[in-house]
PDB file of N, CA and C in Angstrom:
ATOM      1  N   MET A   1     -41.179  28.077 -14.692  1.00  0.00           N
ATOM      2  CA  MET A   1     -40.754  28.659 -13.437  1.00  0.00           C
ATOM      3  C   MET A   1     -39.237  28.843 -13.466  1.00  0.00           C
ATOM      4  N   THR A   2     -38.792  30.020 -13.014  1.00  0.00           N
ATOM      5  CA  THR A   2     -37.359  30.268 -13.007  1.00  0.00           C
ATOM      6  C   THR A   2     -36.733  29.690 -11.748  1.00  0.00           C
ATOM      7  N   GLN A   3     -35.476  29.330 -11.865  1.00  0.00           N
ATOM      8  CA  GLN A   3     -34.757  28.765 -10.739  1.00  0.00           C
ATOM      9  C   GLN A   3     -33.771  29.806 -10.217  1.00  0.00           C
ATOM     10  N   ASP A   4     -33.632  29.887  -8.895  1.00  0.00           N
ATOM     11  CA  ASP A   4     -32.692  30.830  -8.301  1.00  0.00           C
ATOM     12  C   ASP A   4     -31.275  30.501  -8.736  1.00  0.00           C
ATOM     13  N   PRO A   5     -30.450  31.547  -8.954  1.00  0.00           N
ATOM     14  CA  PRO A   5     -29.049  31.280  -9.266  1.00  0.00           C
ATOM     15  C   PRO A   5     -28.369  30.654  -8.048  1.00  0.00           C
ATOM     16  N   PRO A   6     -27.286  29.916  -8.251  1.00  0.00           N
ATOM     17  CA  PRO A   6     -26.653  29.192  -7.146  1.00  0.00           C
ATOM     18  C   PRO A   6     -26.126  30.096  -6.030  1.00  0.00           C
ATOM     19  N   TRP A   7     -25.777  31.332  -6.323  1.00  0.00           N
ATOM     20  CA  TRP A   7     -25.236  32.240  -5.315  1.00  0.00           C
ATOM     21  C   TRP A   7     -26.320  32.957  -4.525  1.00  0.00           C
ATOM     22  N   TYR A   8     -27.572  32.839  -4.941  1.00  0.00           N
ATOM     23  CA  TYR A   8     -28.690  33.594  -4.358  1.00  0.00           C
ATOM     24  C   TYR A   8     -28.838  33.399  -2.844  1.00  0.00           C
ATOM     25  N   PRO A   9     -28.887  32.173  -2.306  1.00  0.00           N
ATOM     26  CA  PRO A   9     -29.045  32.026  -0.850  1.00  0.00           C
ATOM     27  C   PRO A   9     -27.860  32.594  -0.064  1.00  0.00           C
ATOM     28  N   HIS A  10     -26.659  32.495  -0.618  1.00  0.00           N
ATOM     29  CA  HIS A  10     -25.476  33.002   0.068  1.00  0.00           C
ATOM     30  C   HIS A  10     -25.487  34.527   0.134  1.00  0.00           C
ATOM     31  N   LEU A  11     -25.899  35.161  -0.961  1.00  0.00           N
ATOM     32  CA  LEU A  11     -25.998  36.615  -0.987  1.00  0.00           C
ATOM     33  C   LEU A  11     -26.998  37.090   0.056  1.00  0.00           C
ATOM     34  N   PHE A  12     -28.159  36.464   0.120  1.00  0.00           N
ATOM     35  CA  PHE A  12     -29.193  36.842   1.071  1.00  0.00           C
ATOM     36  C   PHE A  12     -28.697  36.687   2.510  1.00  0.00           C
ATOM     37  N   ALA A  13     -28.014  35.598   2.809  1.00  0.00           N
ATOM     38  CA  ALA A  13     -27.510  35.365   4.166  1.00  0.00           C
ATOM     39  C   ALA A  13     -26.476  36.422   4.547  1.00  0.00           C
ATOM     40  N   ARG A  14     -25.582  36.784   3.625  1.00  0.00           N
ATOM     41  CA  ARG A  14     -24.581  37.817   3.911  1.00  0.00           C
ATOM     42  C   ARG A  14     -25.233  39.162   4.162  1.00  0.00           C
ATOM     43  N   MET A  15     -26.259  39.501   3.384  1.00  0.00           N
ATOM     44  CA  MET A  15     -26.932  40.784   3.564  1.00  0.00           C
ATOM     45  C   MET A  15     -27.646  40.841   4.905  1.00  0.00           C
ATOM     46  N   ARG A  16     -28.257  39.770   5.335  1.00  0.00           N
ATOM     47  CA  ARG A  16     -28.959  39.759   6.617  1.00  0.00           C
ATOM     48  C   ARG A  16     -27.985  39.926   7.770  1.00  0.00           C
ATOM     49  N   ARG A  17     -26.810  39.315   7.655  1.00  0.00           N
ATOM     50  CA  ARG A  17     -25.803  39.478   8.716  1.00  0.00           C
ATOM     51  C   ARG A  17     -25.274  40.908   8.743  1.00  0.00           C
ATOM     52  N   ALA A  18     -25.090  41.520   7.577  1.00  0.00           N
ATOM     53  CA  ALA A  18     -24.520  42.861   7.493  1.00  0.00           C
ATOM     54  C   ALA A  18     -25.472  43.918   8.049  1.00  0.00           C
ATOM     55  N   SER A  19     -26.738  43.811   7.753  1.00  0.00           N
ATOM     56  CA  SER A  19     -27.703  44.806   8.209  1.00  0.00           C
ATOM     57  C   SER A  19     -29.103  44.262   8.025  1.00  0.00           C
ATOM     58  N   GLY A  20     -29.932  44.429   9.042  1.00  0.00           N
ATOM     59  CA  GLY A  20     -31.313  43.980   8.935  1.00  0.00           C
ATOM     60  C   GLY A  20     -32.146  44.860   8.036  1.00  0.00           C
ATOM     61  N   ALA A  21     -31.568  45.976   7.556  1.00  0.00           N
ATOM     62  CA  ALA A  21     -32.327  46.917   6.756  1.00  0.00           C
ATOM     63  C   ALA A  21     -32.347  46.569   5.267  1.00  0.00           C
ATOM     64  N   TRP A  22     -31.615  45.548   4.855  1.00  0.00           N
ATOM     65  CA  TRP A  22     -31.585  45.135   3.447  1.00  0.00           C
ATOM     66  C   TRP A  22     -32.446  43.902   3.258  1.00  0.00           C
ATOM     67  N   GLY A  23     -32.965  43.725   2.059  1.00  0.00           N
ATOM     68  CA  GLY A  23     -33.757  42.536   1.778  1.00  0.00           C
ATOM     69  C   GLY A  23     -33.821  42.243   0.294  1.00  0.00           C
ATOM     70  N   LEU A  24     -34.408  41.111  -0.029  1.00  0.00           N
ATOM     71  CA  LEU A  24     -34.633  40.714  -1.418  1.00  0.00           C
ATOM     72  C   LEU A  24     -36.129  40.560  -1.639  1.00  0.00           C
ATOM     73  N   VAL A  25     -36.565  40.968  -2.806  1.00  0.00           N
ATOM     74  CA  VAL A  25     -37.975  40.910  -3.174  1.00  0.00           C
ATOM     75  C   VAL A  25     -38.076  40.187  -4.508  1.00  0.00           C
ATOM     76  N   VAL A  26     -39.084  39.347  -4.660  1.00  0.00           N
ATOM     77  CA  VAL A  26     -39.355  38.678  -5.933  1.00  0.00           C
ATOM     78  C   VAL A  26     -40.576  39.344  -6.560  1.00  0.00           C
ATOM     79  N   VAL A  27     -40.440  39.777  -7.800  1.00  0.00           N
ATOM     80  CA  VAL A  27     -41.520  40.450  -8.511  1.00  0.00           C
ATOM     81  C   VAL A  27     -42.553  39.418  -8.954  1.00  0.00           C
ATOM     82  N   ARG A  28     -43.817  39.748  -8.755  1.00  0.00           N
ATOM     83  CA  ARG A  28     -44.922  38.922  -9.245  1.00  0.00           C
ATOM     84  C   ARG A  28     -45.881  39.819 -10.018  1.00  0.00           C
ATOM     85  N   GLY A  29     -46.300  39.369 -11.176  1.00  0.00           N
ATOM     86  CA  GLY A  29     -47.251  40.126 -11.978  1.00  0.00           C
ATOM     87  C   GLY A  29     -46.592  40.904 -13.100  1.00  0.00           C
ATOM     88  N   ARG A  30     -47.437  41.658 -13.836  1.00  0.00           N
ATOM     89  CA  ARG A  30     -46.978  42.358 -15.043  1.00  0.00           C
ATOM     90  C   ARG A  30     -47.119  43.876 -14.963  1.00  0.00           C
ATOM     91  N   SER A  31     -47.470  44.421 -13.803  1.00  0.00           N
ATOM     92  CA  SER A  31     -47.760  45.850 -13.734  1.00  0.00           C
ATOM     93  C   SER A  31     -46.539  46.742 -13.950  1.00  0.00           C
ATOM     94  N   MET A  32     -45.331  46.216 -13.781  1.00  0.00           N
ATOM     95  CA  MET A  32     -44.133  47.036 -13.945  1.00  0.00           C
ATOM     96  C   MET A  32     -43.369  46.731 -15.231  1.00  0.00           C
ATOM     97  N   GLN A  33     -43.958  45.949 -16.139  1.00  0.00           N
ATOM     98  CA  GLN A  33     -43.314  45.717 -17.429  1.00  0.00           C
ATOM     99  C   GLN A  33     -43.364  47.005 -18.240  1.00  0.00           C
ATOM    100  N   PRO A  34     -42.365  47.347 -19.001  1.00  0.00           N
ATOM    101  CA  PRO A  34     -41.216  46.540 -19.408  1.00  0.00           C
ATOM    102  C   PRO A  34     -39.994  46.676 -18.486  1.00  0.00           C
ATOM    103  N   THR A  35     -40.102  47.423 -17.393  1.00  0.00           N
ATOM    104  CA  THR A  35     -38.950  47.608 -16.506  1.00  0.00           C
ATOM    105  C   THR A  35     -38.635  46.338 -15.734  1.00  0.00           C
ATOM    106  N   LEU A  36     -39.661  45.730 -15.130  1.00  0.00           N
ATOM    107  CA  LEU A  36     -39.502  44.513 -14.330  1.00  0.00           C
ATOM    108  C   LEU A  36     -40.423  43.430 -14.860  1.00  0.00           C
ATOM    109  N   TYR A  37     -39.990  42.181 -14.706  1.00  0.00           N
ATOM    110  CA  TYR A  37     -40.794  41.045 -15.148  1.00  0.00           C
ATOM    111  C   TYR A  37     -41.020  40.074 -14.005  1.00  0.00           C
ATOM    112  N   ASP A  38     -42.078  39.312 -14.100  1.00  0.00           N
ATOM    113  CA  ASP A  38     -42.396  38.293 -13.113  1.00  0.00           C
ATOM    114  C   ASP A  38     -41.173  37.416 -12.868  1.00  0.00           C
ATOM    115  N   GLY A  39     -40.775  37.277 -11.610  1.00  0.00           N
ATOM    116  CA  GLY A  39     -39.620  36.462 -11.269  1.00  0.00           C
ATOM    117  C   GLY A  39     -38.337  37.241 -11.041  1.00  0.00           C
ATOM    118  N   ASP A  40     -38.291  38.515 -11.428  1.00  0.00           N
ATOM    119  CA  ASP A  40     -37.090  39.316 -11.165  1.00  0.00           C
ATOM    120  C   ASP A  40     -36.846  39.390  -9.660  1.00  0.00           C
ATOM    121  N   ARG A  41     -35.575  39.398  -9.274  1.00  0.00           N
ATOM    122  CA  ARG A  41     -35.185  39.543  -7.859  1.00  0.00           C
ATOM    123  C   ARG A  41     -34.595  40.925  -7.665  1.00  0.00           C
ATOM    124  N   LEU A  42     -35.064  41.624  -6.630  1.00  0.00           N
ATOM    125  CA  LEU A  42     -34.643  43.000  -6.375  1.00  0.00           C
ATOM    126  C   LEU A  42     -33.998  43.133  -5.010  1.00  0.00           C
ATOM    127  N   LEU A  43     -32.945  43.907  -4.941  1.00  0.00           N
ATOM    128  CA  LEU A  43     -32.327  44.276  -3.680  1.00  0.00           C
ATOM    129  C   LEU A  43     -33.040  45.529  -3.189  1.00  0.00           C
ATOM    130  N   VAL A  44     -33.570  45.494  -1.950  1.00  0.00           N
ATOM    131  CA  VAL A  44     -34.324  46.627  -1.418  1.00  0.00           C
ATOM    132  C   VAL A  44     -33.729  47.087  -0.097  1.00  0.00           C
ATOM    133  N   ARG A  45     -33.966  48.352   0.234  1.00  0.00           N
ATOM    134  CA  ARG A  45     -33.496  48.926   1.494  1.00  0.00           C
ATOM    135  C   ARG A  45     -34.714  49.377   2.293  1.00  0.00           C
ATOM    136  N   HIS A  46     -34.936  48.721   3.423  1.00  0.00           N
ATOM    137  CA  HIS A  46     -36.037  49.084   4.313  1.00  0.00           C
ATOM    138  C   HIS A  46     -35.681  50.377   5.038  1.00  0.00           C
ATOM    139  N   GLY A  47     -36.676  51.223   5.235  1.00  0.00           N
ATOM    140  CA  GLY A  47     -36.469  52.464   5.969  1.00  0.00           C
ATOM    141  C   GLY A  47     -35.888  53.597   5.148  1.00  0.00           C
ATOM    142  N   ALA A  48     -35.566  53.364   3.882  1.00  0.00           N
ATOM    143  CA  ALA A  48     -35.032  54.426   3.024  1.00  0.00           C
ATOM    144  C   ALA A  48     -36.180  55.328   2.559  1.00  0.00           C
ATOM    145  N   VAL A  49     -35.873  56.566   2.297  1.00  0.00           N
ATOM    146  CA  VAL A  49     -36.869  57.515   1.812  1.00  0.00           C
ATOM    147  C   VAL A  49     -36.918  57.439   0.293  1.00  0.00           C
ATOM    148  N   PRO A  50     -38.110  57.245  -0.284  1.00  0.00           N
ATOM    149  CA  PRO A  50     -38.195  57.157  -1.746  1.00  0.00           C
ATOM    150  C   PRO A  50     -37.929  58.514  -2.409  1.00  0.00           C
ATOM    151  N   ARG A  51     -37.502  58.444  -3.659  1.00  0.00           N
ATOM    152  CA  ARG A  51     -37.304  59.648  -4.455  1.00  0.00           C
ATOM    153  C   ARG A  51     -38.132  59.519  -5.726  1.00  0.00           C
ATOM    154  N   PRO A  52     -38.717  60.612  -6.186  1.00  0.00           N
ATOM    155  CA  PRO A  52     -39.499  60.556  -7.427  1.00  0.00           C
ATOM    156  C   PRO A  52     -38.686  59.962  -8.567  1.00  0.00           C
ATOM    157  N   GLY A  53     -39.321  59.082  -9.306  1.00  0.00           N
ATOM    158  CA  GLY A  53     -38.684  58.399 -10.425  1.00  0.00           C
ATOM    159  C   GLY A  53     -38.105  57.046 -10.069  1.00  0.00           C
ATOM    160  N   ARG A  54     -37.929  56.767  -8.787  1.00  0.00           N
ATOM    161  CA  ARG A  54     -37.368  55.489  -8.328  1.00  0.00           C
ATOM    162  C   ARG A  54     -38.471  54.495  -8.005  1.00  0.00           C
ATOM    163  N   LEU A  55     -38.086  53.237  -7.829  1.00  0.00           N
ATOM    164  CA  LEU A  55     -39.039  52.178  -7.496  1.00  0.00           C
ATOM    165  C   LEU A  55     -39.071  51.952  -5.997  1.00  0.00           C
ATOM    166  N   ALA A  56     -40.256  51.592  -5.500  1.00  0.00           N
ATOM    167  CA  ALA A  56     -40.418  51.307  -4.075  1.00  0.00           C
ATOM    168  C   ALA A  56     -41.370  50.143  -3.902  1.00  0.00           C
ATOM    169  N   VAL A  57     -41.226  49.443  -2.780  1.00  0.00           N
ATOM    170  CA  VAL A  57     -42.175  48.404  -2.378  1.00  0.00           C
ATOM    171  C   VAL A  57     -43.173  49.084  -1.460  1.00  0.00           C
ATOM    172  N   VAL A  58     -44.454  49.019  -1.830  1.00  0.00           N
ATOM    173  CA  VAL A  58     -45.500  49.690  -1.058  1.00  0.00           C
ATOM    174  C   VAL A  58     -46.600  48.704  -0.683  1.00  0.00           C
ATOM    175  N   ARG A  59     -47.283  49.022   0.403  1.00  0.00           N
ATOM    176  CA  ARG A  59     -48.453  48.240   0.810  1.00  0.00           C
ATOM    177  C   ARG A  59     -49.683  48.983   0.300  1.00  0.00           C
ATOM    178  N   LEU A  60     -50.431  48.323  -0.572  1.00  0.00           N
ATOM    179  CA  LEU A  60     -51.652  48.909  -1.115  1.00  0.00           C
ATOM    180  C   LEU A  60     -52.783  48.793  -0.093  1.00  0.00           C
ATOM    181  N   PRO A  61     -53.866  49.545  -0.264  1.00  0.00           N
ATOM    182  CA  PRO A  61     -54.954  49.518   0.723  1.00  0.00           C
ATOM    183  C   PRO A  61     -55.526  48.129   1.011  1.00  0.00           C
ATOM    184  N   ASP A  62     -55.460  47.215   0.051  1.00  0.00           N
ATOM    185  CA  ASP A  62     -55.983  45.860   0.282  1.00  0.00           C
ATOM    186  C   ASP A  62     -54.965  44.959   0.989  1.00  0.00           C
ATOM    187  N   GLY A  63     -53.792  45.522   1.369  1.00  0.00           N
ATOM    188  CA  GLY A  63     -52.776  44.766   2.094  1.00  0.00           C
ATOM    189  C   GLY A  63     -51.720  44.123   1.225  1.00  0.00           C
ATOM    190  N   VAL A  64     -51.893  44.155  -0.079  1.00  0.00           N
ATOM    191  CA  VAL A  64     -50.946  43.542  -1.008  1.00  0.00           C
ATOM    192  C   VAL A  64     -49.673  44.381  -1.080  1.00  0.00           C
ATOM    193  N   LEU A  65     -48.511  43.720  -1.055  1.00  0.00           N
ATOM    194  CA  LEU A  65     -47.239  44.404  -1.282  1.00  0.00           C
ATOM    195  C   LEU A  65     -46.972  44.437  -2.776  1.00  0.00           C
ATOM    196  N   ALA A  66     -46.547  45.589  -3.280  1.00  0.00           N
ATOM    197  CA  ALA A  66     -46.327  45.740  -4.711  1.00  0.00           C
ATOM    198  C   ALA A  66     -45.143  46.663  -4.964  1.00  0.00           C
ATOM    199  N   VAL A  67     -44.471  46.434  -6.079  1.00  0.00           N
ATOM    200  CA  VAL A  67     -43.402  47.328  -6.521  1.00  0.00           C
ATOM    201  C   VAL A  67     -44.026  48.351  -7.449  1.00  0.00           C
ATOM    202  N   LYS A  68     -43.814  49.627  -7.152  1.00  0.00           N
ATOM    203  CA  LYS A  68     -44.372  50.720  -7.958  1.00  0.00           C
ATOM    204  C   LYS A  68     -43.332  51.811  -8.133  1.00  0.00           C
ATOM    205  N   ARG A  69     -43.562  52.668  -9.136  1.00  0.00           N
ATOM    206  CA  ARG A  69     -42.678  53.810  -9.375  1.00  0.00           C
ATOM    207  C   ARG A  69     -43.219  55.013  -8.605  1.00  0.00           C
ATOM    208  N   VAL A  70     -42.365  55.608  -7.794  1.00  0.00           N
ATOM    209  CA  VAL A  70     -42.733  56.801  -7.040  1.00  0.00           C
ATOM    210  C   VAL A  70     -42.668  57.993  -7.995  1.00  0.00           C
ATOM    211  N   THR A  71     -43.764  58.747  -8.103  1.00  0.00           N
ATOM    212  CA  THR A  71     -43.764  59.869  -9.041  1.00  0.00           C
ATOM    213  C   THR A  71     -43.756  61.230  -8.354  1.00  0.00           C
ATOM    214  N   MET A  72     -44.348  61.335  -7.151  1.00  0.00           N
ATOM    215  CA  MET A  72     -44.308  62.613  -6.441  1.00  0.00           C
ATOM    216  C   MET A  72     -44.734  62.451  -4.987  1.00  0.00           C
ATOM    217  N   ARG A  73     -44.345  63.453  -4.193  1.00  0.00           N
ATOM    218  CA  ARG A  73     -44.750  63.511  -2.785  1.00  0.00           C
ATOM    219  C   ARG A  73     -45.928  64.461  -2.690  1.00  0.00           C
ATOM    220  N   ARG A  74     -46.991  64.006  -2.021  1.00  0.00           N
ATOM    221  CA  ARG A  74     -48.177  64.833  -1.813  1.00  0.00           C
ATOM    222  C   ARG A  74     -48.408  64.974  -0.312  1.00  0.00           C
ATOM    223  N   PRO A  75     -49.250  65.898   0.100  1.00  0.00           N
ATOM    224  CA  PRO A  75     -49.504  66.062   1.536  1.00  0.00           C
ATOM    225  C   PRO A  75     -50.036  64.795   2.209  1.00  0.00           C
ATOM    226  N   ASP A  76     -50.780  63.973   1.455  1.00  0.00           N
ATOM    227  CA  ASP A  76     -51.366  62.754   2.024  1.00  0.00           C
ATOM    228  C   ASP A  76     -50.530  61.504   1.793  1.00  0.00           C
ATOM    229  N   GLY A  77     -49.330  61.636   1.217  1.00  0.00           N
ATOM    230  CA  GLY A  77     -48.472  60.475   1.007  1.00  0.00           C
ATOM    231  C   GLY A  77     -47.750  60.525  -0.325  1.00  0.00           C
ATOM    232  N   TRP A  78     -47.309  59.352  -0.761  1.00  0.00           N
ATOM    233  CA  TRP A  78     -46.553  59.213  -2.011  1.00  0.00           C
ATOM    234  C   TRP A  78     -47.470  58.786  -3.134  1.00  0.00           C
ATOM    235  N   TRP A  79     -47.355  59.449  -4.276  1.00  0.00           N
ATOM    236  CA  TRP A  79     -48.094  59.067  -5.472  1.00  0.00           C
ATOM    237  C   TRP A  79     -47.245  58.053  -6.215  1.00  0.00           C
ATOM    238  N   VAL A  80     -47.793  56.856  -6.427  1.00  0.00           N
ATOM    239  CA  VAL A  80     -47.046  55.784  -7.087  1.00  0.00           C
ATOM    240  C   VAL A  80     -47.802  55.321  -8.321  1.00  0.00           C
ATOM    241  N   GLU A  81     -47.049  54.898  -9.318  1.00  0.00           N
ATOM    242  CA  GLU A  81     -47.664  54.466 -10.568  1.00  0.00           C
ATOM    243  C   GLU A  81     -47.026  53.178 -11.065  1.00  0.00           C
ATOM    244  N   ARG A  82     -47.743  52.493 -11.911  1.00  0.00           N
ATOM    245  CA  ARG A  82     -47.259  51.272 -12.568  1.00  0.00           C
ATOM    246  C   ARG A  82     -46.640  51.671 -13.899  1.00  0.00           C
ATOM    247  N   ASP A  83     -45.717  50.879 -14.413  1.00  0.00           N
ATOM    248  CA  ASP A  83     -45.115  51.154 -15.717  1.00  0.00           C
ATOM    249  C   ASP A  83     -45.970  50.615 -16.861  1.00  0.00           C
ATOM    250  N   ASN A  84     -46.807  49.628 -16.583  1.00  0.00           N
ATOM    251  CA  ASN A  84     -47.671  49.017 -17.586  1.00  0.00           C
ATOM    252  C   ASN A  84     -49.097  49.527 -17.359  1.00  0.00           C
ATOM    253  N   PRO A  85     -49.601  50.412 -18.213  1.00  0.00           N
ATOM    254  CA  PRO A  85     -50.922  50.999 -17.984  1.00  0.00           C
ATOM    255  C   PRO A  85     -52.078  50.008 -18.097  1.00  0.00           C
ATOM    256  N   ASP A  86     -51.819  48.826 -18.653  1.00  0.00           N
ATOM    257  CA  ASP A  86     -52.886  47.843 -18.844  1.00  0.00           C
ATOM    258  C   ASP A  86     -53.001  46.826 -17.708  1.00  0.00           C
ATOM    259  N   GLU A  87     -52.087  46.879 -16.730  1.00  0.00           N
ATOM    260  CA  GLU A  87     -52.063  45.872 -15.658  1.00  0.00           C
ATOM    261  C   GLU A  87     -51.891  46.532 -14.297  1.00  0.00           C
ATOM    262  N   GLY A  88     -52.515  45.956 -13.288  1.00  0.00           N
ATOM    263  CA  GLY A  88     -52.228  46.324 -11.912  1.00  0.00           C
ATOM    264  C   GLY A  88     -52.983  47.516 -11.361  1.00  0.00           C
ATOM    265  N   VAL A  89     -52.552  47.935 -10.176  1.00  0.00           N
ATOM    266  CA  VAL A  89     -53.186  48.998  -9.400  1.00  0.00           C
ATOM    267  C   VAL A  89     -52.128  50.030  -9.060  1.00  0.00           C
ATOM    268  N   ASP A  90     -52.520  51.307  -9.070  1.00  0.00           N
ATOM    269  CA  ASP A  90     -51.607  52.366  -8.651  1.00  0.00           C
ATOM    270  C   ASP A  90     -52.398  53.499  -8.016  1.00  0.00           C
ATOM    271  N   SER A  91     -51.759  54.635  -7.778  1.00  0.00           N
ATOM    272  CA  SER A  91     -52.419  55.743  -7.090  1.00  0.00           C
ATOM    273  C   SER A  91     -53.582  56.329  -7.882  1.00  0.00           C
ATOM    274  N   TRP A  92     -53.612  56.130  -9.179  1.00  0.00           N
ATOM    275  CA  TRP A  92     -54.757  56.608  -9.955  1.00  0.00           C
ATOM    276  C   TRP A  92     -56.033  55.868  -9.535  1.00  0.00           C
ATOM    277  N   LEU A  93     -55.885  54.685  -8.987  1.00  0.00           N
ATOM    278  CA  LEU A  93     -57.050  53.904  -8.549  1.00  0.00           C
ATOM    279  C   LEU A  93     -57.280  53.960  -7.045  1.00  0.00           C
ATOM    280  N   VAL A  94     -56.203  54.074  -6.243  1.00  0.00           N
ATOM    281  CA  VAL A  94     -56.344  53.985  -4.781  1.00  0.00           C
ATOM    282  C   VAL A  94     -55.870  55.226  -4.036  1.00  0.00           C
ATOM    283  N   GLY A  95     -55.382  56.229  -4.730  1.00  0.00           N
ATOM    284  CA  GLY A  95     -54.888  57.429  -4.068  1.00  0.00           C
ATOM    285  C   GLY A  95     -53.443  57.285  -3.623  1.00  0.00           C
ATOM    286  N   ALA A  96     -52.990  58.302  -2.912  1.00  0.00           N
ATOM    287  CA  ALA A  96     -51.597  58.324  -2.448  1.00  0.00           C
ATOM    288  C   ALA A  96     -51.356  57.254  -1.390  1.00  0.00           C
ATOM    289  N   VAL A  97     -50.134  56.760  -1.340  1.00  0.00           N
ATOM    290  CA  VAL A  97     -49.725  55.741  -0.368  1.00  0.00           C
ATOM    291  C   VAL A  97     -49.123  56.462   0.844  1.00  0.00           C
ATOM    292  N   PRO A  98     -49.687  56.261   2.052  1.00  0.00           N
ATOM    293  CA  PRO A  98     -49.137  56.922   3.243  1.00  0.00           C
ATOM    294  C   PRO A  98     -47.684  56.527   3.507  1.00  0.00           C
ATOM    295  N   ASP A  99     -46.953  57.408   4.191  1.00  0.00           N
ATOM    296  CA  ASP A  99     -45.541  57.144   4.506  1.00  0.00           C
ATOM    297  C   ASP A  99     -45.334  55.776   5.152  1.00  0.00           C
ATOM    298  N   GLY A 100     -46.219  55.406   6.072  1.00  0.00           N
ATOM    299  CA  GLY A 100     -46.076  54.138   6.777  1.00  0.00           C
ATOM    300  C   GLY A 100     -46.262  52.918   5.902  1.00  0.00           C
ATOM    301  N   ASP A 101     -46.828  53.092   4.703  1.00  0.00           N
ATOM    302  CA  ASP A 101     -47.035  51.972   3.784  1.00  0.00           C
ATOM    303  C   ASP A 101     -45.963  51.874   2.712  1.00  0.00           C
ATOM    304  N   VAL A 102     -44.935  52.723   2.793  1.00  0.00           N
ATOM    305  CA  VAL A 102     -43.755  52.562   1.937  1.00  0.00           C
ATOM    306  C   VAL A 102     -42.828  51.629   2.697  1.00  0.00           C
ATOM    307  N   VAL A 103     -42.732  50.391   2.249  1.00  0.00           N
ATOM    308  CA  VAL A 103     -42.012  49.340   2.964  1.00  0.00           C
ATOM    309  C   VAL A 103     -40.515  49.396   2.719  1.00  0.00           C
ATOM    310  N   ALA A 104     -40.123  49.636   1.474  1.00  0.00           N
ATOM    311  CA  ALA A 104     -38.703  49.627   1.118  1.00  0.00           C
ATOM    312  C   ALA A 104     -38.506  50.351  -0.199  1.00  0.00           C
ATOM    313  N   VAL A 105     -37.270  50.715  -0.477  1.00  0.00           N
ATOM    314  CA  VAL A 105     -36.897  51.344  -1.740  1.00  0.00           C
ATOM    315  C   VAL A 105     -36.017  50.368  -2.514  1.00  0.00           C
ATOM    316  N   VAL A 106     -36.308  50.211  -3.797  1.00  0.00           N
ATOM    317  CA  VAL A 106     -35.533  49.292  -4.643  1.00  0.00           C
ATOM    318  C   VAL A 106     -34.186  49.929  -4.955  1.00  0.00           C
ATOM    319  N   ARG A 107     -33.112  49.179  -4.720  1.00  0.00           N
ATOM    320  CA  ARG A 107     -31.760  49.657  -5.002  1.00  0.00           C
ATOM    321  C   ARG A 107     -31.176  49.050  -6.275  1.00  0.00           C
ATOM    322  N   ALA A 108     -31.535  47.785  -6.586  1.00  0.00           N
ATOM    323  CA  ALA A 108     -30.975  47.140  -7.781  1.00  0.00           C
ATOM    324  C   ALA A 108     -31.735  45.863  -8.092  1.00  0.00           C
ATOM    325  N   ARG A 109     -31.676  45.470  -9.353  1.00  0.00           N
ATOM    326  CA  ARG A 109     -32.151  44.141  -9.744  1.00  0.00           C
ATOM    327  C   ARG A 109     -30.934  43.225  -9.641  1.00  0.00           C
ATOM    328  N   VAL A 110     -31.064  42.115  -8.927  1.00  0.00           N
ATOM    329  CA  VAL A 110     -29.933  41.204  -8.783  1.00  0.00           C
ATOM    330  C   VAL A 110     -30.051  39.984  -9.677  1.00  0.00           C
ATOM    331  N   TRP A 111     -31.266  39.699 -10.145  1.00  0.00           N
ATOM    332  CA  TRP A 111     -31.451  38.555 -11.038  1.00  0.00           C
ATOM    333  C   TRP A 111     -32.740  38.705 -11.804  1.00  0.00           C
ATOM    334  N   PRO A 112     -32.797  38.467 -13.083  1.00  0.00           N
ATOM    335  CA  PRO A 112     -31.660  38.286 -13.980  1.00  0.00           C
ATOM    336  C   PRO A 112     -31.014  39.630 -14.283  1.00  0.00           C
ATOM    337  N   ARG A 113     -29.779  39.573 -14.735  1.00  0.00           N
ATOM    338  CA  ARG A 113     -29.078  40.815 -15.054  1.00  0.00           C
ATOM    339  C   ARG A 113     -29.593  41.358 -16.376  1.00  0.00           C
ATOM    340  N   ARG A 114     -29.902  42.628 -16.380  1.00  0.00           N
ATOM    341  CA  ARG A 114     -30.280  43.348 -17.596  1.00  0.00           C
ATOM    342  C   ARG A 114     -29.583  44.694 -17.551  1.00  0.00           C
ATOM    343  N   ARG A 115     -29.502  45.339 -18.681  1.00  0.00           N
ATOM    344  CA  ARG A 115     -28.805  46.632 -18.710  1.00  0.00           C
ATOM    345  C   ARG A 115     -29.718  47.808 -18.443  1.00  0.00           C
ATOM    346  N   ARG A 116     -31.007  47.609 -18.480  1.00  0.00           N
ATOM    347  CA  ARG A 116     -31.955  48.709 -18.295  1.00  0.00           C
ATOM    348  C   ARG A 116     -31.897  49.232 -16.863  1.00  0.00           C
ATOM    349  N   ARG A 117     -31.841  50.538 -16.723  1.00  0.00           N
ATOM    350  CA  ARG A 117     -31.788  51.168 -15.401  1.00  0.00           C
ATOM    351  C   ARG A 117     -33.160  51.134 -14.757  1.00  0.00           C
ATOM    352  N   LEU A 118     -33.174  50.929 -13.432  1.00  0.00           N
ATOM    353  CA  LEU A 118     -34.413  50.930 -12.679  1.00  0.00           C
ATOM    354  C   LEU A 118     -34.770  52.353 -12.354  1.00  0.00           C
TER     355      LEU A 118
END
């Protein structure tokens, strides 16, 4: 199990004071490997509009929150996909994600630091 960096709680508290629209998300599972790994911490912006090619936090039909890659806008919602074809659920299995189920847009990975772009 990974341990939070010492600055993690302070960063979160500052972001909450600055704006309620920012948040932190912890990745669980392997569906977004090799881009994201279990335990990664992400800075997200609630209420932001996703753009194709970017990552977003979405609510899947079973109620689970998941990080997925937005690939296109369709009349019935956003088409989202996983980076790891062998793991997880995406629009190929459940269809497009309605606008109301796009919870947040990923802005950056805050922990651990890697050079790979999201």
